[in-house]
PDB file of all heavy atoms in Angstrom:
ATOM      1  N   ILE A   1       8.256  20.479 -25.031  1.00  0.00           N
ATOM      2  CA  ILE A   1       7.945  19.216 -25.806  1.00  0.00           C
ATOM      3  C   ILE A   1       7.927  18.060 -24.772  1.00  0.00           C
ATOM      4  O   ILE A   1       9.020  17.819 -24.174  1.00  0.00           O
ATOM      5  CB  ILE A   1       8.903  18.943 -26.990  1.00  0.00           C
ATOM      6  CG1 ILE A   1       8.881  20.032 -27.961  1.00  0.00           C
ATOM      7  CG2 ILE A   1       8.364  17.571 -27.742  1.00  0.00           C
ATOM      8  CD1 ILE A   1       9.842  19.760 -29.122  1.00  0.00           C
ATOM      9  N   GLU A   2       6.750  17.508 -24.461  1.00  0.00           N
ATOM     10  CA  GLU A   2       6.663  16.353 -23.624  1.00  0.00           C
ATOM     11  C   GLU A   2       6.821  15.105 -24.382  1.00  0.00           C
ATOM     12  O   GLU A   2       5.867  14.803 -25.256  1.00  0.00           O
ATOM     13  CB  GLU A   2       5.411  16.410 -22.752  1.00  0.00           C
ATOM     14  CG  GLU A   2       5.145  17.630 -21.909  1.00  0.00           C
ATOM     15  CD  GLU A   2       3.801  17.585 -21.343  1.00  0.00           C
ATOM     16  OE1 GLU A   2       3.212  16.598 -21.315  1.00  0.00           O
ATOM     17  OE2 GLU A   2       3.471  18.685 -20.810  1.00  0.00           O
ATOM     18  N   ASP A   3       7.955  14.369 -24.334  1.00  0.00           N
ATOM     19  CA  ASP A   3       8.118  13.287 -25.208  1.00  0.00           C
ATOM     20  C   ASP A   3       8.444  11.988 -24.178  1.00  0.00           C
ATOM     21  O   ASP A   3       9.541  11.846 -23.822  1.00  0.00           O
ATOM     22  CB  ASP A   3       9.387  13.470 -26.077  1.00  0.00           C
ATOM     23  CG  ASP A   3       9.503  12.375 -27.091  1.00  0.00           C
ATOM     24  OD1 ASP A   3       8.639  11.368 -27.061  1.00  0.00           O
ATOM     25  OD2 ASP A   3      10.210  12.436 -27.984  1.00  0.00           O
ATOM     26  N   PRO A   4       7.454  11.292 -23.945  1.00  0.00           N
ATOM     27  CA  PRO A   4       7.603  10.137 -23.116  1.00  0.00           C
ATOM     28  C   PRO A   4       8.654   9.089 -23.589  1.00  0.00           C
ATOM     29  O   PRO A   4       9.074   8.308 -22.817  1.00  0.00           O
ATOM     30  CB  PRO A   4       6.275   9.520 -22.983  1.00  0.00           C
ATOM     31  CG  PRO A   4       5.414   9.876 -24.162  1.00  0.00           C
ATOM     32  CD  PRO A   4       6.109  11.332 -24.535  1.00  0.00           C
ATOM     33  N   LYS A   5       8.822   9.100 -24.921  1.00  0.00           N
ATOM     34  CA  LYS A   5       9.778   8.042 -25.535  1.00  0.00           C
ATOM     35  C   LYS A   5      11.140   8.230 -24.933  1.00  0.00           C
ATOM     36  O   LYS A   5      11.843   7.278 -24.691  1.00  0.00           O
ATOM     37  CB  LYS A   5       9.781   8.235 -26.970  1.00  0.00           C
ATOM     38  CG  LYS A   5       8.477   7.828 -27.750  1.00  0.00           C
ATOM     39  CD  LYS A   5       8.637   8.165 -29.267  1.00  0.00           C
ATOM     40  CE  LYS A   5       7.412   7.740 -29.977  1.00  0.00           C
ATOM     41  NZ  LYS A   5       7.239   6.305 -30.238  1.00  0.00           N
ATOM     42  N   LYS A   6      11.490   9.439 -24.609  1.00  0.00           N
ATOM     43  CA  LYS A   6      12.851   9.788 -24.008  1.00  0.00           C
ATOM     44  C   LYS A   6      12.961   9.142 -22.708  1.00  0.00           C
ATOM     45  O   LYS A   6      14.019   8.691 -22.272  1.00  0.00           O
ATOM     46  CB  LYS A   6      13.148  11.226 -24.037  1.00  0.00           C
ATOM     47  CG  LYS A   6      13.233  11.771 -25.547  1.00  0.00           C
ATOM     48  CD  LYS A   6      13.595  13.377 -25.515  1.00  0.00           C
ATOM     49  CE  LYS A   6      13.731  13.998 -26.774  1.00  0.00           C
ATOM     50  NZ  LYS A   6      13.948  15.331 -26.827  1.00  0.00           N
ATOM     51  N   ARG A   7      11.954   9.356 -21.848  1.00  0.00           N
ATOM     52  CA  ARG A   7      11.992   8.776 -20.454  1.00  0.00           C
ATOM     53  C   ARG A   7      11.818   7.290 -20.336  1.00  0.00           C
ATOM     54  O   ARG A   7      12.157   6.770 -19.277  1.00  0.00           O
ATOM     55  CB  ARG A   7      10.784   9.499 -19.772  1.00  0.00           C
ATOM     56  CG  ARG A   7      10.942  11.040 -19.517  1.00  0.00           C
ATOM     57  CD  ARG A   7       9.807  11.566 -18.881  1.00  0.00           C
ATOM     58  NE  ARG A   7       9.507  11.151 -17.555  1.00  0.00           N
ATOM     59  CZ  ARG A   7      10.118  11.506 -16.339  1.00  0.00           C
ATOM     60  NH1 ARG A   7      11.099  12.275 -16.433  1.00  0.00           N
ATOM     61  NH2 ARG A   7       9.736  10.997 -15.191  1.00  0.00           N
ATOM     62  N   LEU A   8      11.421   6.649 -21.364  1.00  0.00           N
ATOM     63  CA  LEU A   8      11.233   5.237 -21.361  1.00  0.00           C
ATOM     64  C   LEU A   8      12.552   4.439 -21.529  1.00  0.00           C
ATOM     65  O   LEU A   8      12.599   3.303 -21.305  1.00  0.00           O
ATOM     66  CB  LEU A   8      10.144   4.785 -22.319  1.00  0.00           C
ATOM     67  CG  LEU A   8       8.760   5.137 -21.970  1.00  0.00           C
ATOM     68  CD1 LEU A   8       7.790   4.907 -23.146  1.00  0.00           C
ATOM     69  CD2 LEU A   8       8.266   4.651 -20.661  1.00  0.00           C
ATOM     70  N   GLY A   9      13.595   5.140 -22.104  1.00  0.00           N
ATOM     71  CA  GLY A   9      14.877   4.458 -22.249  1.00  0.00           C
ATOM     72  C   GLY A   9      14.941   3.141 -22.897  1.00  0.00           C
ATOM     73  O   GLY A   9      14.377   2.862 -24.004  1.00  0.00           O
ATOM     74  N   GLN A  10      15.585   2.197 -22.065  1.00  0.00           N
ATOM     75  CA  GLN A  10      15.765   0.817 -22.568  1.00  0.00           C
ATOM     76  C   GLN A  10      14.735  -0.164 -22.139  1.00  0.00           C
ATOM     77  O   GLN A  10      14.882  -1.412 -22.245  1.00  0.00           O
ATOM     78  CB  GLN A  10      17.209   0.387 -22.214  1.00  0.00           C
ATOM     79  CG  GLN A  10      18.275   1.146 -22.813  1.00  0.00           C
ATOM     80  CD  GLN A  10      18.199   1.155 -24.348  1.00  0.00           C
ATOM     81  OE1 GLN A  10      18.184  -0.013 -25.035  1.00  0.00           O
ATOM     82  NE2 GLN A  10      18.146   2.219 -25.036  1.00  0.00           N
ATOM     83  N   LEU A  11      13.673   0.290 -21.489  1.00  0.00           N
ATOM     84  CA  LEU A  11      12.517  -0.573 -21.113  1.00  0.00           C
ATOM     85  C   LEU A  11      12.077  -1.356 -22.282  1.00  0.00           C
ATOM     86  O   LEU A  11      11.724  -0.774 -23.255  1.00  0.00           O
ATOM     87  CB  LEU A  11      11.424   0.136 -20.430  1.00  0.00           C
ATOM     88  CG  LEU A  11      11.876   1.133 -19.182  1.00  0.00           C
ATOM     89  CD1 LEU A  11      10.559   1.725 -18.552  1.00  0.00           C
ATOM     90  CD2 LEU A  11      12.519   0.159 -18.110  1.00  0.00           C
ATOM     91  N   SER A  12      11.903  -2.633 -22.181  1.00  0.00           N
ATOM     92  CA  SER A  12      11.554  -3.456 -23.310  1.00  0.00           C
ATOM     93  C   SER A  12      10.649  -4.547 -23.036  1.00  0.00           C
ATOM     94  O   SER A  12      10.233  -4.769 -21.821  1.00  0.00           O
ATOM     95  CB  SER A  12      12.866  -4.092 -23.927  1.00  0.00           C
ATOM     96  OG  SER A  12      13.482  -4.908 -22.958  1.00  0.00           O
ATOM     97  N   VAL A  13      10.138  -5.271 -24.067  1.00  0.00           N
ATOM     98  CA  VAL A  13       9.115  -6.260 -23.929  1.00  0.00           C
ATOM     99  C   VAL A  13       9.718  -7.556 -23.463  1.00  0.00           C
ATOM    100  O   VAL A  13      10.834  -8.050 -23.910  1.00  0.00           O
ATOM    101  CB  VAL A  13       8.374  -6.324 -25.138  1.00  0.00           C
ATOM    102  CG1 VAL A  13       7.275  -7.596 -25.154  1.00  0.00           C
ATOM    103  CG2 VAL A  13       7.745  -5.116 -25.695  1.00  0.00           C
ATOM    104  N   GLY A  14       9.048  -8.257 -22.539  1.00  0.00           N
ATOM    105  CA  GLY A  14       9.432  -9.564 -22.099  1.00  0.00           C
ATOM    106  C   GLY A  14       8.271 -10.422 -22.025  1.00  0.00           C
ATOM    107  O   GLY A  14       7.181 -10.017 -22.147  1.00  0.00           O
ATOM    108  N   GLU A  15       8.513 -11.809 -21.862  1.00  0.00           N
ATOM    109  CA  GLU A  15       7.346 -12.856 -21.735  1.00  0.00           C
ATOM    110  C   GLU A  15       7.673 -13.631 -20.500  1.00  0.00           C
ATOM    111  O   GLU A  15       8.867 -14.039 -20.298  1.00  0.00           O
ATOM    112  CB  GLU A  15       7.357 -13.622 -22.965  1.00  0.00           C
ATOM    113  CG  GLU A  15       6.337 -14.649 -22.881  1.00  0.00           C
ATOM    114  CD  GLU A  15       6.305 -15.610 -24.107  1.00  0.00           C
ATOM    115  OE1 GLU A  15       7.179 -15.385 -25.049  1.00  0.00           O
ATOM    116  OE2 GLU A  15       5.343 -16.379 -24.258  1.00  0.00           O
ATOM    117  N   ILE A  16       6.645 -13.744 -19.705  1.00  0.00           N
ATOM    118  CA  ILE A  16       6.734 -14.525 -18.470  1.00  0.00           C
ATOM    119  C   ILE A  16       6.632 -15.993 -18.861  1.00  0.00           C
ATOM    120  O   ILE A  16       5.595 -16.467 -19.417  1.00  0.00           O
ATOM    121  CB  ILE A  16       5.737 -14.211 -17.425  1.00  0.00           C
ATOM    122  CG1 ILE A  16       5.778 -12.746 -16.979  1.00  0.00           C
ATOM    123  CG2 ILE A  16       5.665 -15.135 -16.240  1.00  0.00           C
ATOM    124  CD1 ILE A  16       4.614 -12.351 -16.178  1.00  0.00           C
ATOM    125  N   LEU A  17       7.644 -16.882 -18.599  1.00  0.00           N
ATOM    126  CA  LEU A  17       7.746 -18.230 -18.907  1.00  0.00           C
ATOM    127  C   LEU A  17       7.129 -19.126 -17.873  1.00  0.00           C
ATOM    128  O   LEU A  17       6.204 -19.948 -18.166  1.00  0.00           O
ATOM    129  CB  LEU A  17       9.128 -18.761 -19.243  1.00  0.00           C
ATOM    130  CG  LEU A  17       9.773 -17.930 -20.431  1.00  0.00           C
ATOM    131  CD1 LEU A  17      11.234 -18.415 -20.617  1.00  0.00           C
ATOM    132  CD2 LEU A  17       9.098 -18.057 -21.679  1.00  0.00           C
ATOM    133  N   THR A  18       7.532 -18.899 -16.613  1.00  0.00           N
ATOM    134  CA  THR A  18       6.985 -19.639 -15.556  1.00  0.00           C
ATOM    135  C   THR A  18       6.636 -18.778 -14.359  1.00  0.00           C
ATOM    136  O   THR A  18       7.337 -17.676 -14.195  1.00  0.00           O
ATOM    137  CB  THR A  18       7.987 -20.814 -15.013  1.00  0.00           C
ATOM    138  OG1 THR A  18       9.127 -20.163 -14.629  1.00  0.00           O
ATOM    139  CG2 THR A  18       8.283 -21.670 -16.201  1.00  0.00           C
ATOM    140  N   VAL A  19       5.754 -19.181 -13.480  1.00  0.00           N
ATOM    141  CA  VAL A  19       5.438 -18.399 -12.263  1.00  0.00           C
ATOM    142  C   VAL A  19       5.342 -19.420 -11.095  1.00  0.00           C
ATOM    143  O   VAL A  19       4.709 -20.422 -11.070  1.00  0.00           O
ATOM    144  CB  VAL A  19       4.012 -17.726 -12.277  1.00  0.00           C
ATOM    145  CG1 VAL A  19       3.794 -16.958 -11.081  1.00  0.00           C
ATOM    146  CG2 VAL A  19       4.004 -16.841 -13.475  1.00  0.00           C
ATOM    147  N   GLU A  20       6.263 -19.181 -10.102  1.00  0.00           N
ATOM    148  CA  GLU A  20       6.393 -20.050  -9.013  1.00  0.00           C
ATOM    149  C   GLU A  20       6.218 -19.199  -7.615  1.00  0.00           C
ATOM    150  O   GLU A  20       6.615 -18.085  -7.623  1.00  0.00           O
ATOM    151  CB  GLU A  20       7.845 -20.885  -8.889  1.00  0.00           C
ATOM    152  CG  GLU A  20       8.190 -21.600 -10.102  1.00  0.00           C
ATOM    153  CD  GLU A  20       7.275 -22.865 -10.137  1.00  0.00           C
ATOM    154  OE1 GLU A  20       6.679 -23.278  -9.227  1.00  0.00           O
ATOM    155  OE2 GLU A  20       7.306 -23.497 -11.358  1.00  0.00           O
ATOM    156  N   LYS A  21       5.655 -19.957  -6.628  1.00  0.00           N
ATOM    157  CA  LYS A  21       5.514 -19.254  -5.339  1.00  0.00           C
ATOM    158  C   LYS A  21       6.834 -18.908  -4.798  1.00  0.00           C
ATOM    159  O   LYS A  21       7.846 -19.798  -4.858  1.00  0.00           O
ATOM    160  CB  LYS A  21       4.713 -20.168  -4.441  1.00  0.00           C
ATOM    161  CG  LYS A  21       4.330 -19.536  -3.073  1.00  0.00           C
ATOM    162  CD  LYS A  21       3.579 -20.561  -2.257  1.00  0.00           C
ATOM    163  CE  LYS A  21       3.312 -19.953  -0.798  1.00  0.00           C
ATOM    164  NZ  LYS A  21       4.425 -19.584  -0.116  1.00  0.00           N
ATOM    165  N   HIS A  22       7.013 -17.751  -4.260  1.00  0.00           N
ATOM    166  CA  HIS A  22       8.294 -17.465  -3.483  1.00  0.00           C
ATOM    167  C   HIS A  22       8.444 -18.262  -2.264  1.00  0.00           C
ATOM    168  O   HIS A  22       7.501 -18.479  -1.429  1.00  0.00           O
ATOM    169  CB  HIS A  22       8.210 -15.868  -3.091  1.00  0.00           C
ATOM    170  CG  HIS A  22       9.493 -15.403  -2.595  1.00  0.00           C
ATOM    171  ND1 HIS A  22      10.103 -15.764  -1.392  1.00  0.00           N
ATOM    172  CD2 HIS A  22      10.324 -14.411  -3.256  1.00  0.00           C
ATOM    173  CE1 HIS A  22      11.207 -15.049  -1.244  1.00  0.00           C
ATOM    174  NE2 HIS A  22      11.350 -14.322  -2.344  1.00  0.00           N
ATOM    175  N   PRO A  23       9.608 -18.854  -2.095  1.00  0.00           N
ATOM    176  CA  PRO A  23       9.860 -19.676  -0.890  1.00  0.00           C
ATOM    177  C   PRO A  23       9.586 -19.197   0.424  1.00  0.00           C
ATOM    178  O   PRO A  23       9.382 -19.838   1.423  1.00  0.00           O
ATOM    179  CB  PRO A  23      11.205 -20.320  -1.070  1.00  0.00           C
ATOM    180  CG  PRO A  23      11.869 -19.341  -1.874  1.00  0.00           C
ATOM    181  CD  PRO A  23      10.791 -18.738  -2.801  1.00  0.00           C
ATOM    182  N   ASN A  24       9.823 -17.882   0.532  1.00  0.00           N
ATOM    183  CA  ASN A  24       9.919 -17.162   1.841  1.00  0.00           C
ATOM    184  C   ASN A  24       8.751 -16.037   2.037  1.00  0.00           C
ATOM    185  O   ASN A  24       8.971 -15.251   2.925  1.00  0.00           O
ATOM    186  CB  ASN A  24      11.152 -16.570   2.194  1.00  0.00           C
ATOM    187  CG  ASN A  24      12.311 -17.589   1.975  1.00  0.00           C
ATOM    188  OD1 ASN A  24      12.195 -18.705   2.451  1.00  0.00           O
ATOM    189  ND2 ASN A  24      13.416 -17.243   1.305  1.00  0.00           N
ATOM    190  N   ALA A  25       7.809 -15.877   1.051  1.00  0.00           N
ATOM    191  CA  ALA A  25       6.945 -14.864   1.118  1.00  0.00           C
ATOM    192  C   ALA A  25       5.541 -15.410   0.480  1.00  0.00           C
ATOM    193  O   ALA A  25       5.537 -15.807  -0.687  1.00  0.00           O
ATOM    194  CB  ALA A  25       7.355 -13.545   0.440  1.00  0.00           C
ATOM    195  N   ASP A  26       4.384 -15.332   1.229  1.00  0.00           N
ATOM    196  CA  ASP A  26       3.208 -15.825   0.675  1.00  0.00           C
ATOM    197  C   ASP A  26       2.660 -14.976  -0.482  1.00  0.00           C
ATOM    198  O   ASP A  26       2.017 -15.485  -1.431  1.00  0.00           O
ATOM    199  CB  ASP A  26       2.106 -15.778   1.779  1.00  0.00           C
ATOM    200  CG  ASP A  26       2.445 -16.843   2.879  1.00  0.00           C
ATOM    201  OD1 ASP A  26       3.092 -17.771   2.512  1.00  0.00           O
ATOM    202  OD2 ASP A  26       1.940 -16.804   3.999  1.00  0.00           O
ATOM    203  N   LYS A  27       2.919 -13.623  -0.536  1.00  0.00           N
ATOM    204  CA  LYS A  27       2.318 -12.757  -1.559  1.00  0.00           C
ATOM    205  C   LYS A  27       3.178 -12.441  -2.614  1.00  0.00           C
ATOM    206  O   LYS A  27       2.844 -11.794  -3.564  1.00  0.00           O
ATOM    207  CB  LYS A  27       1.861 -11.389  -0.871  1.00  0.00           C
ATOM    208  CG  LYS A  27       0.733 -11.663   0.195  1.00  0.00           C
ATOM    209  CD  LYS A  27       0.314 -10.260   0.681  1.00  0.00           C
ATOM    210  CE  LYS A  27      -0.830 -10.427   1.718  1.00  0.00           C
ATOM    211  NZ  LYS A  27      -1.312  -9.210   2.246  1.00  0.00           N
ATOM    212  N   LEU A  28       4.316 -13.150  -2.720  1.00  0.00           N
ATOM    213  CA  LEU A  28       5.343 -12.973  -3.817  1.00  0.00           C
ATOM    214  C   LEU A  28       5.438 -14.037  -4.692  1.00  0.00           C
ATOM    215  O   LEU A  28       5.248 -15.223  -4.331  1.00  0.00           O
ATOM    216  CB  LEU A  28       6.751 -12.540  -3.245  1.00  0.00           C
ATOM    217  CG  LEU A  28       6.857 -11.204  -2.373  1.00  0.00           C
ATOM    218  CD1 LEU A  28       8.175 -11.040  -1.904  1.00  0.00           C
ATOM    219  CD2 LEU A  28       6.283 -10.006  -3.256  1.00  0.00           C
ATOM    220  N   LYS A  29       5.756 -13.821  -5.900  1.00  0.00           N
ATOM    221  CA  LYS A  29       6.027 -14.902  -6.958  1.00  0.00           C
ATOM    222  C   LYS A  29       7.472 -14.740  -7.508  1.00  0.00           C
ATOM    223  O   LYS A  29       7.850 -13.653  -7.627  1.00  0.00           O
ATOM    224  CB  LYS A  29       4.974 -14.804  -8.042  1.00  0.00           C
ATOM    225  CG  LYS A  29       3.594 -14.926  -7.669  1.00  0.00           C
ATOM    226  CD  LYS A  29       3.161 -16.337  -7.299  1.00  0.00           C
ATOM    227  CE  LYS A  29       1.649 -16.487  -7.176  1.00  0.00           C
ATOM    228  NZ  LYS A  29       1.001 -15.497  -6.244  1.00  0.00           N
ATOM    229  N   VAL A  30       8.015 -15.878  -7.957  1.00  0.00           N
ATOM    230  CA  VAL A  30       9.204 -15.801  -8.594  1.00  0.00           C
ATOM    231  C   VAL A  30       9.012 -16.225 -10.061  1.00  0.00           C
ATOM    232  O   VAL A  30       8.477 -17.273 -10.299  1.00  0.00           O
ATOM    233  CB  VAL A  30      10.317 -16.866  -7.969  1.00  0.00           C
ATOM    234  CG1 VAL A  30      11.632 -16.837  -8.751  1.00  0.00           C
ATOM    235  CG2 VAL A  30      10.576 -16.502  -6.566  1.00  0.00           C
ATOM    236  N   CYS A  31       9.353 -15.261 -10.970  1.00  0.00           N
ATOM    237  CA  CYS A  31       8.996 -15.390 -12.311  1.00  0.00           C
ATOM    238  C   CYS A  31      10.268 -15.702 -13.224  1.00  0.00           C
ATOM    239  O   CYS A  31      11.215 -14.879 -13.035  1.00  0.00           O
ATOM    240  CB  CYS A  31       8.163 -14.222 -12.880  1.00  0.00           C
ATOM    241  SG  CYS A  31       6.679 -13.931 -12.014  1.00  0.00           S
ATOM    242  N   GLU A  32      10.114 -16.593 -14.158  1.00  0.00           N
ATOM    243  CA  GLU A  32      11.226 -16.823 -15.131  1.00  0.00           C
ATOM    244  C   GLU A  32      10.811 -15.940 -16.256  1.00  0.00           C
ATOM    245  O   GLU A  32       9.714 -16.322 -16.874  1.00  0.00           O
ATOM    246  CB  GLU A  32      11.411 -18.330 -15.386  1.00  0.00           C
ATOM    247  CG  GLU A  32      12.633 -18.665 -16.179  1.00  0.00           C
ATOM    248  CD  GLU A  32      12.761 -20.156 -16.488  1.00  0.00           C
ATOM    249  OE1 GLU A  32      11.789 -20.813 -16.956  1.00  0.00           O
ATOM    250  OE2 GLU A  32      13.857 -20.728 -16.004  1.00  0.00           O
ATOM    251  N   VAL A  33      11.504 -15.050 -16.788  1.00  0.00           N
ATOM    252  CA  VAL A  33      11.183 -14.062 -17.734  1.00  0.00           C
ATOM    253  C   VAL A  33      12.129 -14.095 -18.918  1.00  0.00           C
ATOM    254  O   VAL A  33      13.330 -14.009 -18.805  1.00  0.00           O
ATOM    255  CB  VAL A  33      10.967 -12.604 -17.210  1.00  0.00           C
ATOM    256  CG1 VAL A  33      10.595 -11.628 -18.263  1.00  0.00           C
ATOM    257  CG2 VAL A  33       9.939 -12.607 -16.070  1.00  0.00           C
ATOM    258  N   LYS A  34      11.566 -14.318 -20.188  1.00  0.00           N
ATOM    259  CA  LYS A  34      12.336 -14.110 -21.242  1.00  0.00           C
ATOM    260  C   LYS A  34      12.502 -12.668 -21.675  1.00  0.00           C
ATOM    261  O   LYS A  34      11.531 -11.941 -21.862  1.00  0.00           O
ATOM    262  CB  LYS A  34      11.794 -14.881 -22.485  1.00  0.00           C
ATOM    263  CG  LYS A  34      12.639 -14.857 -23.718  1.00  0.00           C
ATOM    264  CD  LYS A  34      11.812 -15.608 -24.815  1.00  0.00           C
ATOM    265  CE  LYS A  34      12.637 -15.599 -26.182  1.00  0.00           C
ATOM    266  NZ  LYS A  34      11.932 -16.406 -27.173  1.00  0.00           N
ATOM    267  N   SER A  35      13.770 -12.063 -21.722  1.00  0.00           N
ATOM    268  CA  SER A  35      13.880 -10.744 -21.984  1.00  0.00           C
ATOM    269  C   SER A  35      14.879 -10.379 -23.134  1.00  0.00           C
ATOM    270  O   SER A  35      15.286 -11.398 -23.760  1.00  0.00           O
ATOM    271  CB  SER A  35      14.542 -10.074 -20.765  1.00  0.00           C
ATOM    272  OG  SER A  35      15.973 -10.441 -20.567  1.00  0.00           O
ATOM    273  N   SER A  36      15.209  -9.173 -23.409  1.00  0.00           N
ATOM    274  CA  SER A  36      16.087  -8.762 -24.532  1.00  0.00           C
ATOM    275  C   SER A  36      17.461  -9.373 -24.381  1.00  0.00           C
ATOM    276  O   SER A  36      18.257  -9.504 -25.271  1.00  0.00           O
ATOM    277  CB  SER A  36      16.071  -7.365 -24.689  1.00  0.00           C
ATOM    278  OG  SER A  36      16.600  -6.711 -23.520  1.00  0.00           O
ATOM    279  N   THR A  37      17.784  -9.604 -23.101  1.00  0.00           N
ATOM    280  CA  THR A  37      19.171 -10.156 -22.833  1.00  0.00           C
ATOM    281  C   THR A  37      19.242 -11.564 -22.304  1.00  0.00           C
ATOM    282  O   THR A  37      20.281 -12.016 -21.909  1.00  0.00           O
ATOM    283  CB  THR A  37      19.877  -9.279 -21.746  1.00  0.00           C
ATOM    284  OG1 THR A  37      18.954  -9.342 -20.443  1.00  0.00           O
ATOM    285  CG2 THR A  37      20.002  -7.829 -22.116  1.00  0.00           C
ATOM    286  N   GLY A  38      18.080 -12.295 -22.547  1.00  0.00           N
ATOM    287  CA  GLY A  38      18.031 -13.656 -22.110  1.00  0.00           C
ATOM    288  C   GLY A  38      16.956 -13.933 -21.085  1.00  0.00           C
ATOM    289  O   GLY A  38      16.177 -13.022 -20.815  1.00  0.00           O
ATOM    290  N   ILE A  39      17.251 -15.186 -20.502  1.00  0.00           N
ATOM    291  CA  ILE A  39      16.204 -15.495 -19.382  1.00  0.00           C
ATOM    292  C   ILE A  39      16.601 -15.116 -18.124  1.00  0.00           C
ATOM    293  O   ILE A  39      17.716 -15.331 -17.769  1.00  0.00           O
ATOM    294  CB  ILE A  39      15.901 -16.997 -19.466  1.00  0.00           C
ATOM    295  CG1 ILE A  39      15.291 -17.427 -20.827  1.00  0.00           C
ATOM    296  CG2 ILE A  39      14.946 -17.496 -18.349  1.00  0.00           C
ATOM    297  CD1 ILE A  39      15.074 -18.868 -21.061  1.00  0.00           C
ATOM    298  N   ILE A  40      15.698 -14.341 -17.336  1.00  0.00           N
ATOM    299  CA  ILE A  40      16.114 -13.810 -16.065  1.00  0.00           C
ATOM    300  C   ILE A  40      15.090 -14.166 -14.951  1.00  0.00           C
ATOM    301  O   ILE A  40      13.894 -14.493 -15.360  1.00  0.00           O
ATOM    302  CB  ILE A  40      16.383 -12.293 -16.159  1.00  0.00           C
ATOM    303  CG1 ILE A  40      14.992 -11.573 -16.563  1.00  0.00           C
ATOM    304  CG2 ILE A  40      17.468 -11.905 -16.981  1.00  0.00           C
ATOM    305  CD1 ILE A  40      15.116 -10.134 -16.625  1.00  0.00           C
TER     306      ILE A  40
END
């Protein structure tokens, strides 16, 4: 029985609140994300 639900564990839905340029990398962004445990 292939059940992907079991492999997905605690992965959950979040929402990106803000997107800022990474101070030390041109291709990276620093995102403020609302998650199941708060803002991270």
